[in-house]
Amino acid sequence: MESKIILFISENFGRDIQDIHLGSMIEKDLGIYGDDAVELILGFGKKFDVDVSKFKAAKYFSAEGDFILPPFLKFLMSNKKTKDELTIKNLVDAVKYKKLDEEIIKISNGN
């Protein structure tokens, strides 16, 4: 399943397949945020038959055009994370459970 998700992201979002792995963070490592992130989650849900209706995108992705403010805020807040991270592993686990929400992400992250 990991390779299918990686291929999906590579083909639909123009990321090099060698740069995507299980630990890749969607926003931080792959640079997918804003409308593209929403498109990724909706397309992922449809392609892999995963319920994404309870996924809180704003918790994981910066808004479109908000590429300067998050690093600045991170600096001001003593390097505290401003957004939670969503990884390829989280997506793989979402396929296993057929849903992507806070509960599945916590399970996926071992919490």
PDB file of N, CA and C in Angstrom:
ATOM      1  N   MET A   1       0.821  -1.194   0.000  1.00  0.00           N
ATOM      2  CA  MET A   1       0.000   0.000   0.000  1.00  0.00           C
ATOM      3  C   MET A   1       0.867   1.261   0.000  1.00  0.00           C
ATOM      4  N   GLU A   2       1.975   1.203   0.703  1.00  0.00           N
ATOM      5  CA  GLU A   2       2.885   2.350   0.753  1.00  0.00           C
ATOM      6  C   GLU A   2       3.286   2.806  -0.652  1.00  0.00           C
ATOM      7  N   SER A   3       3.667   1.858  -1.500  1.00  0.00           N
ATOM      8  CA  SER A   3       4.112   2.224  -2.849  1.00  0.00           C
ATOM      9  C   SER A   3       2.970   2.813  -3.683  1.00  0.00           C
ATOM     10  N   LYS A   4       1.739   2.364  -3.488  1.00  0.00           N
ATOM     11  CA  LYS A   4       0.595   2.912  -4.220  1.00  0.00           C
ATOM     12  C   LYS A   4       0.327   4.359  -3.806  1.00  0.00           C
ATOM     13  N   ILE A   5       0.438   4.635  -2.514  1.00  0.00           N
ATOM     14  CA  ILE A   5       0.228   5.999  -2.016  1.00  0.00           C
ATOM     15  C   ILE A   5       1.351   6.917  -2.496  1.00  0.00           C
ATOM     16  N   ILE A   6       2.564   6.434  -2.458  1.00  0.00           N
ATOM     17  CA  ILE A   6       3.701   7.221  -2.951  1.00  0.00           C
ATOM     18  C   ILE A   6       3.528   7.537  -4.428  1.00  0.00           C
ATOM     19  N   LEU A   7       3.125   6.569  -5.206  1.00  0.00           N
ATOM     20  CA  LEU A   7       2.901   6.776  -6.634  1.00  0.00           C
ATOM     21  C   LEU A   7       1.766   7.783  -6.861  1.00  0.00           C
ATOM     22  N   PHE A   8       0.700   7.678  -6.096  1.00  0.00           N
ATOM     23  CA  PHE A   8      -0.421   8.611  -6.179  1.00  0.00           C
ATOM     24  C   PHE A   8       0.048  10.048  -5.948  1.00  0.00           C
ATOM     25  N   ILE A   9       0.840  10.261  -4.919  1.00  0.00           N
ATOM     26  CA  ILE A   9       1.338  11.607  -4.612  1.00  0.00           C
ATOM     27  C   ILE A   9       2.300  12.086  -5.689  1.00  0.00           C
ATOM     28  N   SER A  10       3.193  11.225  -6.110  1.00  0.00           N
ATOM     29  CA  SER A  10       4.163  11.593  -7.139  1.00  0.00           C
ATOM     30  C   SER A  10       3.474  11.994  -8.439  1.00  0.00           C
ATOM     31  N   GLU A  11       2.531  11.196  -8.880  1.00  0.00           N
ATOM     32  CA  GLU A  11       1.848  11.455 -10.152  1.00  0.00           C
ATOM     33  C   GLU A  11       0.918  12.660 -10.098  1.00  0.00           C
ATOM     34  N   ASN A  12       0.271  12.889  -8.962  1.00  0.00           N
ATOM     35  CA  ASN A  12      -0.728  13.950  -8.873  1.00  0.00           C
ATOM     36  C   ASN A  12      -0.196  15.279  -8.355  1.00  0.00           C
ATOM     37  N   PHE A  13       0.957  15.254  -7.707  1.00  0.00           N
ATOM     38  CA  PHE A  13       1.464  16.480  -7.098  1.00  0.00           C
ATOM     39  C   PHE A  13       2.900  16.796  -7.508  1.00  0.00           C
ATOM     40  N   GLY A  14       3.405  16.060  -8.497  1.00  0.00           N
ATOM     41  CA  GLY A  14       4.695  16.384  -9.089  1.00  0.00           C
ATOM     42  C   GLY A  14       5.892  16.258  -8.171  1.00  0.00           C
ATOM     43  N   ARG A  15       5.825  15.353  -7.221  1.00  0.00           N
ATOM     44  CA  ARG A  15       6.971  15.142  -6.329  1.00  0.00           C
ATOM     45  C   ARG A  15       7.767  13.946  -6.833  1.00  0.00           C
ATOM     46  N   ASP A  16       9.094  14.024  -6.698  1.00  0.00           N
ATOM     47  CA  ASP A  16       9.973  12.937  -7.127  1.00  0.00           C
ATOM     48  C   ASP A  16       9.739  11.720  -6.236  1.00  0.00           C
ATOM     49  N   ILE A  17       9.510  10.599  -6.860  1.00  0.00           N
ATOM     50  CA  ILE A  17       9.181   9.374  -6.128  1.00  0.00           C
ATOM     51  C   ILE A  17      10.280   8.987  -5.128  1.00  0.00           C
ATOM     52  N   GLN A  18      11.535   9.309  -5.437  1.00  0.00           N
ATOM     53  CA  GLN A  18      12.639   8.988  -4.520  1.00  0.00           C
ATOM     54  C   GLN A  18      12.626   9.857  -3.262  1.00  0.00           C
ATOM     55  N   ASP A  19      11.906  10.986  -3.309  1.00  0.00           N
ATOM     56  CA  ASP A  19      11.844  11.887  -2.159  1.00  0.00           C
ATOM     57  C   ASP A  19      10.712  11.547  -1.197  1.00  0.00           C
ATOM     58  N   ILE A  20       9.917  10.551  -1.552  1.00  0.00           N
ATOM     59  CA  ILE A  20       8.752  10.193  -0.735  1.00  0.00           C
ATOM     60  C   ILE A  20       8.988   8.837  -0.084  1.00  0.00           C
ATOM     61  N   HIS A  21       8.828   8.795   1.244  1.00  0.00           N
ATOM     62  CA  HIS A  21       8.985   7.544   1.987  1.00  0.00           C
ATOM     63  C   HIS A  21       8.007   7.529   3.154  1.00  0.00           C
ATOM     64  N   LEU A  22       7.965   6.462   3.874  1.00  0.00           N
ATOM     65  CA  LEU A  22       6.996   6.269   4.952  1.00  0.00           C
ATOM     66  C   LEU A  22       7.013   7.413   5.970  1.00  0.00           C
ATOM     67  N   GLY A  23       8.182   7.944   6.266  1.00  0.00           N
ATOM     68  CA  GLY A  23       8.289   9.016   7.256  1.00  0.00           C
ATOM     69  C   GLY A  23       8.126  10.414   6.699  1.00  0.00           C
ATOM     70  N   SER A  24       7.921  10.546   5.394  1.00  0.00           N
ATOM     71  CA  SER A  24       7.770  11.880   4.785  1.00  0.00           C
ATOM     72  C   SER A  24       6.574  12.609   5.371  1.00  0.00           C
ATOM     73  N   MET A  25       6.811  13.872   5.773  1.00  0.00           N
ATOM     74  CA  MET A  25       5.736  14.721   6.257  1.00  0.00           C
ATOM     75  C   MET A  25       5.164  15.470   5.049  1.00  0.00           C
ATOM     76  N   ILE A  26       3.859  15.420   4.909  1.00  0.00           N
ATOM     77  CA  ILE A  26       3.195  15.951   3.718  1.00  0.00           C
ATOM     78  C   ILE A  26       3.515  17.430   3.499  1.00  0.00           C
ATOM     79  N   GLU A  27       3.392  18.242   4.539  1.00  0.00           N
ATOM     80  CA  GLU A  27       3.649  19.675   4.365  1.00  0.00           C
ATOM     81  C   GLU A  27       5.138  20.000   4.448  1.00  0.00           C
ATOM     82  N   LYS A  28       5.774  19.591   5.507  1.00  0.00           N
ATOM     83  CA  LYS A  28       7.162  19.989   5.741  1.00  0.00           C
ATOM     84  C   LYS A  28       8.127  19.409   4.708  1.00  0.00           C
ATOM     85  N   ASP A  29       8.027  18.125   4.422  1.00  0.00           N
ATOM     86  CA  ASP A  29       8.980  17.474   3.515  1.00  0.00           C
ATOM     87  C   ASP A  29       8.570  17.574   2.044  1.00  0.00           C
ATOM     88  N   LEU A  30       7.275  17.465   1.772  1.00  0.00           N
ATOM     89  CA  LEU A  30       6.811  17.431   0.387  1.00  0.00           C
ATOM     90  C   LEU A  30       6.285  18.772  -0.100  1.00  0.00           C
ATOM     91  N   GLY A  31       6.130  19.732   0.819  1.00  0.00           N
ATOM     92  CA  GLY A  31       5.697  21.069   0.436  1.00  0.00           C
ATOM     93  C   GLY A  31       4.269  21.147  -0.076  1.00  0.00           C
ATOM     94  N   ILE A  32       3.423  20.254   0.399  1.00  0.00           N
ATOM     95  CA  ILE A  32       2.018  20.259  -0.012  1.00  0.00           C
ATOM     96  C   ILE A  32       1.200  20.900   1.103  1.00  0.00           C
ATOM     97  N   TYR A  33       0.536  22.012   0.795  1.00  0.00           N
ATOM     98  CA  TYR A  33      -0.252  22.743   1.791  1.00  0.00           C
ATOM     99  C   TYR A  33      -1.405  23.452   1.087  1.00  0.00           C
ATOM    100  N   GLY A  34      -2.243  24.098   1.865  1.00  0.00           N
ATOM    101  CA  GLY A  34      -3.348  24.872   1.316  1.00  0.00           C
ATOM    102  C   GLY A  34      -4.307  24.037   0.491  1.00  0.00           C
ATOM    103  N   ASP A  35      -4.734  24.618  -0.638  1.00  0.00           N
ATOM    104  CA  ASP A  35      -5.693  23.936  -1.514  1.00  0.00           C
ATOM    105  C   ASP A  35      -5.152  22.610  -2.033  1.00  0.00           C
ATOM    106  N   ASP A  36      -3.847  22.553  -2.299  1.00  0.00           N
ATOM    107  CA  ASP A  36      -3.253  21.293  -2.764  1.00  0.00           C
ATOM    108  C   ASP A  36      -3.380  20.196  -1.711  1.00  0.00           C
ATOM    109  N   ALA A  37      -3.214  20.558  -0.443  1.00  0.00           N
ATOM    110  CA  ALA A  37      -3.340  19.568   0.633  1.00  0.00           C
ATOM    111  C   ALA A  37      -4.773  19.045   0.727  1.00  0.00           C
ATOM    112  N   VAL A  38      -5.732  19.951   0.607  1.00  0.00           N
ATOM    113  CA  VAL A  38      -7.144  19.533   0.640  1.00  0.00           C
ATOM    114  C   VAL A  38      -7.429  18.617  -0.551  1.00  0.00           C
ATOM    115  N   GLU A  39      -6.917  18.991  -1.715  1.00  0.00           N
ATOM    116  CA  GLU A  39      -7.083  18.168  -2.917  1.00  0.00           C
ATOM    117  C   GLU A  39      -6.442  16.789  -2.716  1.00  0.00           C
ATOM    118  N   LEU A  40      -5.283  16.760  -2.084  1.00  0.00           N
ATOM    119  CA  LEU A  40      -4.610  15.478  -1.814  1.00  0.00           C
ATOM    120  C   LEU A  40      -5.486  14.598  -0.926  1.00  0.00           C
ATOM    121  N   ILE A  41      -5.984  15.156   0.169  1.00  0.00           N
ATOM    122  CA  ILE A  41      -6.781  14.366   1.120  1.00  0.00           C
ATOM    123  C   ILE A  41      -8.066  13.871   0.463  1.00  0.00           C
ATOM    124  N   LEU A  42      -8.750  14.734  -0.267  1.00  0.00           N
ATOM    125  CA  LEU A  42      -9.988  14.311  -0.921  1.00  0.00           C
ATOM    126  C   LEU A  42      -9.720  13.260  -1.998  1.00  0.00           C
ATOM    127  N   GLY A  43      -8.677  13.468  -2.800  1.00  0.00           N
ATOM    128  CA  GLY A  43      -8.320  12.489  -3.828  1.00  0.00           C
ATOM    129  C   GLY A  43      -7.871  11.170  -3.232  1.00  0.00           C
ATOM    130  N   PHE A  44      -7.101  11.249  -2.144  1.00  0.00           N
ATOM    131  CA  PHE A  44      -6.656  10.055  -1.418  1.00  0.00           C
ATOM    132  C   PHE A  44      -7.868   9.269  -0.915  1.00  0.00           C
ATOM    133  N   GLY A  45      -8.810   9.966  -0.293  1.00  0.00           N
ATOM    134  CA  GLY A  45     -10.005   9.300   0.226  1.00  0.00           C
ATOM    135  C   GLY A  45     -10.780   8.584  -0.865  1.00  0.00           C
ATOM    136  N   LYS A  46     -10.931   9.260  -1.991  1.00  0.00           N
ATOM    137  CA  LYS A  46     -11.680   8.670  -3.100  1.00  0.00           C
ATOM    138  C   LYS A  46     -10.936   7.477  -3.704  1.00  0.00           C
ATOM    139  N   LYS A  47      -9.655   7.648  -3.976  1.00  0.00           N
ATOM    140  CA  LYS A  47      -8.871   6.593  -4.632  1.00  0.00           C
ATOM    141  C   LYS A  47      -8.745   5.341  -3.765  1.00  0.00           C
ATOM    142  N   PHE A  48      -8.544   5.539  -2.454  1.00  0.00           N
ATOM    143  CA  PHE A  48      -8.270   4.402  -1.575  1.00  0.00           C
ATOM    144  C   PHE A  48      -9.469   4.029  -0.693  1.00  0.00           C
ATOM    145  N   ASP A  49     -10.652   4.590  -1.003  1.00  0.00           N
ATOM    146  CA  ASP A  49     -11.882   4.282  -0.279  1.00  0.00           C
ATOM    147  C   ASP A  49     -11.713   4.496   1.230  1.00  0.00           C
ATOM    148  N   VAL A  50     -11.242   5.700   1.578  1.00  0.00           N
ATOM    149  CA  VAL A  50     -11.009   6.077   2.973  1.00  0.00           C
ATOM    150  C   VAL A  50     -11.951   7.234   3.317  1.00  0.00           C
ATOM    151  N   ASP A  51     -12.654   7.127   4.436  1.00  0.00           N
ATOM    152  CA  ASP A  51     -13.531   8.194   4.906  1.00  0.00           C
ATOM    153  C   ASP A  51     -12.662   9.321   5.482  1.00  0.00           C
ATOM    154  N   VAL A  52     -12.684  10.475   4.829  1.00  0.00           N
ATOM    155  CA  VAL A  52     -11.887  11.624   5.278  1.00  0.00           C
ATOM    156  C   VAL A  52     -12.788  12.745   5.808  1.00  0.00           C
ATOM    157  N   SER A  53     -14.062  12.453   6.026  1.00  0.00           N
ATOM    158  CA  SER A  53     -15.034  13.475   6.406  1.00  0.00           C
ATOM    159  C   SER A  53     -14.744  14.121   7.763  1.00  0.00           C
ATOM    160  N   LYS A  54     -14.018  13.446   8.631  1.00  0.00           N
ATOM    161  CA  LYS A  54     -13.721  14.005   9.958  1.00  0.00           C
ATOM    162  C   LYS A  54     -12.270  14.474  10.091  1.00  0.00           C
ATOM    163  N   PHE A  55     -11.542  14.483   8.972  1.00  0.00           N
ATOM    164  CA  PHE A  55     -10.149  14.943   8.996  1.00  0.00           C
ATOM    165  C   PHE A  55     -10.124  16.470   9.097  1.00  0.00           C
ATOM    166  N   LYS A  56      -9.349  16.986  10.036  1.00  0.00           N
ATOM    167  CA  LYS A  56      -9.258  18.432  10.290  1.00  0.00           C
ATOM    168  C   LYS A  56      -8.015  18.994   9.597  1.00  0.00           C
ATOM    169  N   ALA A  57      -8.167  19.349   8.325  1.00  0.00           N
ATOM    170  CA  ALA A  57      -7.039  19.803   7.506  1.00  0.00           C
ATOM    171  C   ALA A  57      -6.327  21.005   8.113  1.00  0.00           C
ATOM    172  N   ALA A  58      -7.050  21.927   8.715  1.00  0.00           N
ATOM    173  CA  ALA A  58      -6.438  23.139   9.276  1.00  0.00           C
ATOM    174  C   ALA A  58      -5.452  22.827  10.400  1.00  0.00           C
ATOM    175  N   LYS A  59      -5.588  21.684  11.019  1.00  0.00           N
ATOM    176  CA  LYS A  59      -4.675  21.286  12.097  1.00  0.00           C
ATOM    177  C   LYS A  59      -3.323  20.826  11.538  1.00  0.00           C
ATOM    178  N   TYR A  60      -3.307  20.415  10.271  1.00  0.00           N
ATOM    179  CA  TYR A  60      -2.107  19.822   9.679  1.00  0.00           C
ATOM    180  C   TYR A  60      -1.486  20.638   8.552  1.00  0.00           C
ATOM    181  N   PHE A  61      -2.254  21.544   7.951  1.00  0.00           N
ATOM    182  CA  PHE A  61      -1.764  22.256   6.775  1.00  0.00           C
ATOM    183  C   PHE A  61      -1.942  23.760   6.897  1.00  0.00           C
ATOM    184  N   SER A  62      -0.926  24.498   6.463  1.00  0.00           N
ATOM    185  CA  SER A  62      -1.000  25.954   6.396  1.00  0.00           C
ATOM    186  C   SER A  62      -1.932  26.353   5.267  1.00  0.00           C
ATOM    187  N   ALA A  63      -2.475  27.562   5.382  1.00  0.00           N
ATOM    188  CA  ALA A  63      -3.366  28.077   4.345  1.00  0.00           C
ATOM    189  C   ALA A  63      -2.577  28.430   3.089  1.00  0.00           C
ATOM    190  N   GLU A  64      -3.259  28.472   1.980  1.00  0.00           N
ATOM    191  CA  GLU A  64      -2.665  28.860   0.698  1.00  0.00           C
ATOM    192  C   GLU A  64      -2.070  30.264   0.830  1.00  0.00           C
ATOM    193  N   GLY A  65      -0.875  30.463   0.324  1.00  0.00           N
ATOM    194  CA  GLY A  65      -0.220  31.761   0.379  1.00  0.00           C
ATOM    195  C   GLY A  65       0.377  32.083   1.730  1.00  0.00           C
ATOM    196  N   ASP A  66       0.296  31.159   2.664  1.00  0.00           N
ATOM    197  CA  ASP A  66       0.793  31.377   4.026  1.00  0.00           C
ATOM    198  C   ASP A  66       2.146  30.700   4.188  1.00  0.00           C
ATOM    199  N   PHE A  67       3.100  31.052   3.308  1.00  0.00           N
ATOM    200  CA  PHE A  67       4.396  30.390   3.338  1.00  0.00           C
ATOM    201  C   PHE A  67       5.437  31.187   4.108  1.00  0.00           C
ATOM    202  N   ILE A  68       5.188  32.461   4.388  1.00  0.00           N
ATOM    203  CA  ILE A  68       6.149  33.276   5.135  1.00  0.00           C
ATOM    204  C   ILE A  68       5.815  33.273   6.613  1.00  0.00           C
ATOM    205  N   LEU A  69       4.553  33.393   6.940  1.00  0.00           N
ATOM    206  CA  LEU A  69       4.126  33.519   8.326  1.00  0.00           C
ATOM    207  C   LEU A  69       4.453  32.310   9.207  1.00  0.00           C
ATOM    208  N   PRO A  70       4.196  31.061   8.793  1.00  0.00           N
ATOM    209  CA  PRO A  70       4.477  29.938   9.695  1.00  0.00           C
ATOM    210  C   PRO A  70       5.932  29.854  10.186  1.00  0.00           C
ATOM    211  N   PRO A  71       6.950  29.993   9.325  1.00  0.00           N
ATOM    212  CA  PRO A  71       8.317  29.951   9.858  1.00  0.00           C
ATOM    213  C   PRO A  71       8.603  31.104  10.817  1.00  0.00           C
ATOM    214  N   PHE A  72       8.040  32.276  10.519  1.00  0.00           N
ATOM    215  CA  PHE A  72       8.224  33.439  11.386  1.00  0.00           C
ATOM    216  C   PHE A  72       7.591  33.187  12.746  1.00  0.00           C
ATOM    217  N   LEU A  73       6.372  32.649  12.754  1.00  0.00           N
ATOM    218  CA  LEU A  73       5.697  32.333  14.017  1.00  0.00           C
ATOM    219  C   LEU A  73       6.452  31.266  14.795  1.00  0.00           C
ATOM    220  N   LYS A  74       6.960  30.284  14.082  1.00  0.00           N
ATOM    221  CA  LYS A  74       7.737  29.222  14.730  1.00  0.00           C
ATOM    222  C   LYS A  74       8.950  29.817  15.438  1.00  0.00           C
ATOM    223  N   PHE A  75       9.617  30.753  14.780  1.00  0.00           N
ATOM    224  CA  PHE A  75      10.774  31.423  15.377  1.00  0.00           C
ATOM    225  C   PHE A  75      10.359  32.200  16.624  1.00  0.00           C
ATOM    226  N   LEU A  76       9.275  32.941  16.530  1.00  0.00           N
ATOM    227  CA  LEU A  76       8.805  33.744  17.661  1.00  0.00           C
ATOM    228  C   LEU A  76       8.334  32.895  18.830  1.00  0.00           C
ATOM    229  N   MET A  77       7.843  31.699  18.523  1.00  0.00           N
ATOM    230  CA  MET A  77       7.300  30.837  19.579  1.00  0.00           C
ATOM    231  C   MET A  77       8.347  29.851  20.091  1.00  0.00           C
ATOM    232  N   SER A  78       9.605  30.214  19.989  1.00  0.00           N
ATOM    233  CA  SER A  78      10.707  29.388  20.488  1.00  0.00           C
ATOM    234  C   SER A  78      10.724  28.006  19.847  1.00  0.00           C
ATOM    235  N   ASN A  79      10.516  27.973  18.534  1.00  0.00           N
ATOM    236  CA  ASN A  79      10.578  26.742  17.751  1.00  0.00           C
ATOM    237  C   ASN A  79       9.514  25.709  18.105  1.00  0.00           C
ATOM    238  N   LYS A  80       8.402  26.138  18.692  1.00  0.00           N
ATOM    239  CA  LYS A  80       7.289  25.218  18.914  1.00  0.00           C
ATOM    240  C   LYS A  80       6.596  24.979  17.575  1.00  0.00           C
ATOM    241  N   LYS A  81       6.113  23.762  17.381  1.00  0.00           N
ATOM    242  CA  LYS A  81       5.395  23.451  16.143  1.00  0.00           C
ATOM    243  C   LYS A  81       4.100  24.250  16.081  1.00  0.00           C
ATOM    244  N   THR A  82       3.809  24.812  14.911  1.00  0.00           N
ATOM    245  CA  THR A  82       2.554  25.517  14.748  1.00  0.00           C
ATOM    246  C   THR A  82       1.483  24.599  14.155  1.00  0.00           C
ATOM    247  N   LYS A  83       1.879  23.551  13.462  1.00  0.00           N
ATOM    248  CA  LYS A  83       0.944  22.585  12.876  1.00  0.00           C
ATOM    249  C   LYS A  83       1.408  21.175  13.243  1.00  0.00           C
ATOM    250  N   ASP A  84       0.446  20.279  13.398  1.00  0.00           N
ATOM    251  CA  ASP A  84       0.793  18.874  13.563  1.00  0.00           C
ATOM    252  C   ASP A  84       1.239  18.340  12.211  1.00  0.00           C
ATOM    253  N   GLU A  85       1.964  17.250  12.216  1.00  0.00           N
ATOM    254  CA  GLU A  85       2.482  16.683  10.970  1.00  0.00           C
ATOM    255  C   GLU A  85       1.676  15.455  10.556  1.00  0.00           C
ATOM    256  N   LEU A  86       1.381  15.385   9.281  1.00  0.00           N
ATOM    257  CA  LEU A  86       0.724  14.220   8.696  1.00  0.00           C
ATOM    258  C   LEU A  86       1.750  13.537   7.805  1.00  0.00           C
ATOM    259  N   THR A  87       1.944  12.238   7.992  1.00  0.00           N
ATOM    260  CA  THR A  87       2.979  11.509   7.252  1.00  0.00           C
ATOM    261  C   THR A  87       2.368  10.482   6.296  1.00  0.00           C
ATOM    262  N   ILE A  88       3.221   9.971   5.443  1.00  0.00           N
ATOM    263  CA  ILE A  88       2.812   8.890   4.543  1.00  0.00           C
ATOM    264  C   ILE A  88       2.354   7.686   5.375  1.00  0.00           C
ATOM    265  N   LYS A  89       3.033   7.413   6.469  1.00  0.00           N
ATOM    266  CA  LYS A  89       2.635   6.302   7.345  1.00  0.00           C
ATOM    267  C   LYS A  89       1.202   6.486   7.843  1.00  0.00           C
ATOM    268  N   ASN A  90       0.842   7.727   8.191  1.00  0.00           N
ATOM    269  CA  ASN A  90      -0.536   7.991   8.616  1.00  0.00           C
ATOM    270  C   ASN A  90      -1.528   7.640   7.522  1.00  0.00           C
ATOM    271  N   LEU A  91      -1.177   7.941   6.276  1.00  0.00           N
ATOM    272  CA  LEU A  91      -2.065   7.620   5.155  1.00  0.00           C
ATOM    273  C   LEU A  91      -2.158   6.109   4.940  1.00  0.00           C
ATOM    274  N   VAL A  92      -1.038   5.412   5.065  1.00  0.00           N
ATOM    275  CA  VAL A  92      -1.033   3.953   4.931  1.00  0.00           C
ATOM    276  C   VAL A  92      -1.953   3.338   5.987  1.00  0.00           C
ATOM    277  N   ASP A  93      -1.826   3.816   7.221  1.00  0.00           N
ATOM    278  CA  ASP A  93      -2.666   3.294   8.300  1.00  0.00           C
ATOM    279  C   ASP A  93      -4.137   3.662   8.100  1.00  0.00           C
ATOM    280  N   ALA A  94      -4.398   4.825   7.517  1.00  0.00           N
ATOM    281  CA  ALA A  94      -5.783   5.224   7.238  1.00  0.00           C
ATOM    282  C   ALA A  94      -6.444   4.248   6.267  1.00  0.00           C
ATOM    283  N   VAL A  95      -5.683   3.766   5.291  1.00  0.00           N
ATOM    284  CA  VAL A  95      -6.231   2.779   4.345  1.00  0.00           C
ATOM    285  C   VAL A  95      -6.588   1.501   5.098  1.00  0.00           C
ATOM    286  N   LYS A  96      -5.733   1.114   6.011  1.00  0.00           N
ATOM    287  CA  LYS A  96      -5.965  -0.100   6.807  1.00  0.00           C
ATOM    288  C   LYS A  96      -7.272  -0.001   7.606  1.00  0.00           C
ATOM    289  N   TYR A  97      -7.525   1.183   8.196  1.00  0.00           N
ATOM    290  CA  TYR A  97      -8.710   1.386   9.034  1.00  0.00           C
ATOM    291  C   TYR A  97      -9.901   1.976   8.266  1.00  0.00           C
ATOM    292  N   LYS A  98      -9.676   2.325   6.983  1.00  0.00           N
ATOM    293  CA  LYS A  98     -10.717   2.881   6.114  1.00  0.00           C
ATOM    294  C   LYS A  98     -11.230   4.244   6.563  1.00  0.00           C
ATOM    295  N   LYS A  99     -10.440   4.965   7.376  1.00  0.00           N
ATOM    296  CA  LYS A  99     -10.809   6.325   7.765  1.00  0.00           C
ATOM    297  C   LYS A  99      -9.552   7.092   8.176  1.00  0.00           C
ATOM    298  N   LEU A 100      -9.622   8.407   8.005  1.00  0.00           N
ATOM    299  CA  LEU A 100      -8.534   9.292   8.406  1.00  0.00           C
ATOM    300  C   LEU A 100      -9.120  10.346   9.329  1.00  0.00           C
ATOM    301  N   ASP A 101      -8.767  10.239  10.609  1.00  0.00           N
ATOM    302  CA  ASP A 101      -9.217  11.201  11.612  1.00  0.00           C
ATOM    303  C   ASP A 101      -8.220  11.201  12.760  1.00  0.00           C
ATOM    304  N   GLU A 102      -8.490  11.963  13.793  1.00  0.00           N
ATOM    305  CA  GLU A 102      -7.562  12.102  14.919  1.00  0.00           C
ATOM    306  C   GLU A 102      -7.253  10.751  15.585  1.00  0.00           C
ATOM    307  N   GLU A 103      -8.262   9.925  15.739  1.00  0.00           N
ATOM    308  CA  GLU A 103      -8.080   8.621  16.374  1.00  0.00           C
ATOM    309  C   GLU A 103      -7.077   7.767  15.592  1.00  0.00           C
ATOM    310  N   ILE A 104      -7.234   7.700  14.288  1.00  0.00           N
ATOM    311  CA  ILE A 104      -6.349   6.879  13.454  1.00  0.00           C
ATOM    312  C   ILE A 104      -4.939   7.454  13.438  1.00  0.00           C
ATOM    313  N   ILE A 105      -4.819   8.768  13.392  1.00  0.00           N
ATOM    314  CA  ILE A 105      -3.483   9.396  13.399  1.00  0.00           C
ATOM    315  C   ILE A 105      -2.785   9.096  14.711  1.00  0.00           C
ATOM    316  N   LYS A 106      -3.509   9.153  15.832  1.00  0.00           N
ATOM    317  CA  LYS A 106      -2.905   8.836  17.140  1.00  0.00           C
ATOM    318  C   LYS A 106      -2.452   7.381  17.181  1.00  0.00           C
ATOM    319  N   ILE A 107      -3.277   6.476  16.685  1.00  0.00           N
ATOM    320  CA  ILE A 107      -2.903   5.057  16.628  1.00  0.00           C
ATOM    321  C   ILE A 107      -1.667   4.889  15.748  1.00  0.00           C
ATOM    322  N   SER A 108      -1.677   5.524  14.606  1.00  0.00           N
ATOM    323  CA  SER A 108      -0.576   5.441  13.653  1.00  0.00           C
ATOM    324  C   SER A 108       0.733   5.946  14.235  1.00  0.00           C
ATOM    325  N   ASN A 109       0.625   6.999  15.056  1.00  0.00           N
ATOM    326  CA  ASN A 109       1.822   7.592  15.671  1.00  0.00           C
ATOM    327  C   ASN A 109       2.226   6.895  16.968  1.00  0.00           C
ATOM    328  N   GLY A 110       1.482   5.865  17.366  1.00  0.00           N
ATOM    329  CA  GLY A 110       1.816   5.108  18.576  1.00  0.00           C
ATOM    330  C   GLY A 110       1.400   5.793  19.853  1.00  0.00           C
ATOM    331  N   ASN A 111       0.418   6.680  19.784  1.00  0.00           N
ATOM    332  CA  ASN A 111      -0.054   7.387  21.004  1.00  0.00           C
ATOM    333  C   ASN A 111      -1.297   6.755  21.560  1.00  0.00           C
TER     334      ASN A 111
END
